Protein backbone atom coordinates (compact mmCIF):
# COMPACT_ATOMS: atom_id res chain seq x y z
CA MET A 1 2.19 -19.40 -14.79
CA THR A 2 0.64 -16.03 -15.65
CA TYR A 3 0.29 -13.46 -12.87
CA ILE A 4 -2.62 -11.10 -12.73
CA PRO A 5 -2.27 -7.79 -11.01
CA SER A 6 -5.14 -7.11 -8.65
CA ARG A 7 -6.61 -5.37 -5.72
CA LEU A 8 -6.92 -8.09 -3.37
CA VAL A 9 -8.55 -6.50 -0.39
CA GLY A 10 -10.54 -3.33 0.16
CA PRO A 11 -10.81 -0.66 0.87
CA TYR A 12 -12.05 -2.48 4.03
CA ASN A 13 -12.70 -1.10 7.42
CA LEU A 14 -11.20 -3.07 10.22
CA THR A 15 -12.60 -3.89 13.72
CA ASP A 16 -10.60 -4.44 17.03
CA GLY A 17 -10.91 -8.22 16.46
CA TYR A 18 -9.26 -10.53 13.99
CA GLN A 19 -11.06 -10.77 10.81
CA THR A 20 -10.15 -12.80 7.65
CA VAL A 21 -9.57 -10.15 5.02
CA TYR A 22 -8.18 -12.55 2.28
CA LEU A 23 -8.27 -16.24 1.53
CA SER A 24 -5.88 -17.22 -1.30
CA SER A 25 -7.34 -19.52 -3.85
CA THR A 26 -4.02 -19.86 -5.74
CA LEU A 27 -0.45 -18.80 -5.42
CA THR A 28 -0.72 -15.03 -4.50
CA ILE A 29 1.91 -12.41 -3.82
CA ILE A 30 1.03 -9.42 -1.69
CA LYS A 31 2.86 -6.36 -2.86
CA GLN A 32 1.51 -3.40 -1.07
CA VAL A 33 -0.54 -2.70 2.08
CA ILE A 34 -2.23 0.57 2.52
CA LEU A 35 -3.47 1.56 6.09
CA SER A 36 -5.66 4.78 6.18
CA ASN A 37 -6.48 6.07 9.55
CA VAL A 38 -9.81 7.74 9.07
CA THR A 39 -10.12 9.06 12.63
CA GLY A 40 -8.64 11.82 14.91
CA ALA A 41 -7.12 9.10 17.23
CA ASP A 42 -3.81 7.10 16.61
CA ALA A 43 -4.47 3.38 16.02
CA SER A 44 -2.28 0.33 15.57
CA VAL A 45 -2.79 -2.64 13.11
CA ARG A 46 -1.71 -6.24 13.12
CA LEU A 47 -1.63 -8.54 10.15
CA SER A 48 -1.22 -12.45 10.56
CA LEU A 49 -0.77 -15.18 7.98
CA THR A 50 -2.08 -18.51 8.69
CA ASN A 51 -2.97 -21.82 7.15
CA PHE A 52 -6.65 -22.47 6.40
CA THR A 53 -7.36 -23.64 10.01
CA GLY A 54 -4.79 -21.71 11.74
CA VAL A 55 -5.57 -19.05 14.56
CA PRO A 56 -3.99 -15.52 14.14
CA GLY A 57 -1.99 -14.06 16.77
CA SER A 58 1.56 -12.73 17.54
CA GLN A 59 3.17 -16.16 16.59
CA ASN A 60 2.30 -15.67 12.99
CA ALA A 61 2.06 -11.96 12.44
CA ILE A 62 3.73 -10.33 9.50
CA MET A 63 2.99 -6.83 10.61
CA GLN A 64 2.93 -6.54 14.46
CA ASP A 65 1.07 -3.52 15.95
CA VAL A 66 2.20 -1.01 13.18
CA GLN A 67 1.24 2.53 14.47
CA VAL A 68 -0.83 4.67 12.12
CA GLU A 69 -1.08 8.24 13.28
CA ALA A 70 -4.63 10.09 13.28
CA ASN A 71 -5.81 11.26 9.85
CA SER A 72 -2.88 9.66 8.07
CA THR A 73 -1.94 6.78 5.61
CA LEU A 74 0.73 4.42 5.80
CA ILE A 75 1.95 2.61 2.62
CA ALA A 76 3.97 -0.58 3.11
CA ASP A 77 5.65 -2.09 -0.01
CA ILE A 78 6.27 -5.65 0.76
CA VAL A 79 6.61 -9.07 -0.91
CA GLN A 80 4.79 -11.74 1.03
CA VAL A 81 3.96 -15.10 -0.80
CA MET A 82 0.72 -16.79 0.06
CA GLN A 83 0.14 -20.50 -0.77
CA PRO A 84 -3.23 -21.68 -1.81
CA LEU A 85 -5.81 -21.76 1.17
CA GLU A 86 -3.72 -19.63 3.50
CA ARG A 87 -5.60 -16.78 5.11
CA LEU A 88 -4.59 -13.25 5.93
CA HIS A 89 -6.20 -11.81 9.11
CA ALA A 90 -6.22 -8.21 10.31
CA ARG A 91 -7.17 -6.31 13.37
CA CYS A 92 -6.78 -2.76 14.63
CA SER A 93 -6.65 -1.33 18.09
CA VAL A 94 -9.47 1.14 17.62
CA SER A 95 -12.52 -0.51 15.83
CA GLY A 96 -13.38 1.35 12.66
CA ALA A 97 -10.31 3.54 12.76
CA ILE A 98 -8.37 2.04 9.79
CA ASN A 99 -9.22 1.26 6.24
CA ILE A 100 -7.16 -1.51 4.68
CA THR A 101 -6.31 -1.95 0.89
CA ILE A 102 -4.11 -4.71 -0.37
CA SER A 103 -2.76 -5.01 -3.84
CA GLY A 104 -0.70 -7.80 -5.35
CA VAL A 105 -0.57 -10.50 -8.11
CA TYR A 106 -2.19 -13.97 -8.28
CA ASP A 107 -1.43 -17.00 -10.32
CA SER A 108 -4.04 -17.26 -13.06
CA GLN A 109 -3.32 -21.08 -13.30
CA GLU A 110 -3.54 -21.12 -17.11
């Protein structure tokens, strides 16, 4: 296996409803999540990991209502493995308040 470092998502502006922000086509490891609040109001973010047909929610949250203060950035260094065809979903409490950027590595399948 050869792992390729990559920016997997974003910067991408979140809404107040779940959005699929990443669909893994191969084995993927999320290494860092950057949440930037671009507004003057606090907002929270939820990330959920599901299989291809799964429904995001509290039952599969990997980050549950993480608060990001107004005009600030939160950086989370994590290790989360995603299998092929798993989906990462994100939502924020205030539509348009949060930009998300995710970096990691993926298997080049060579």
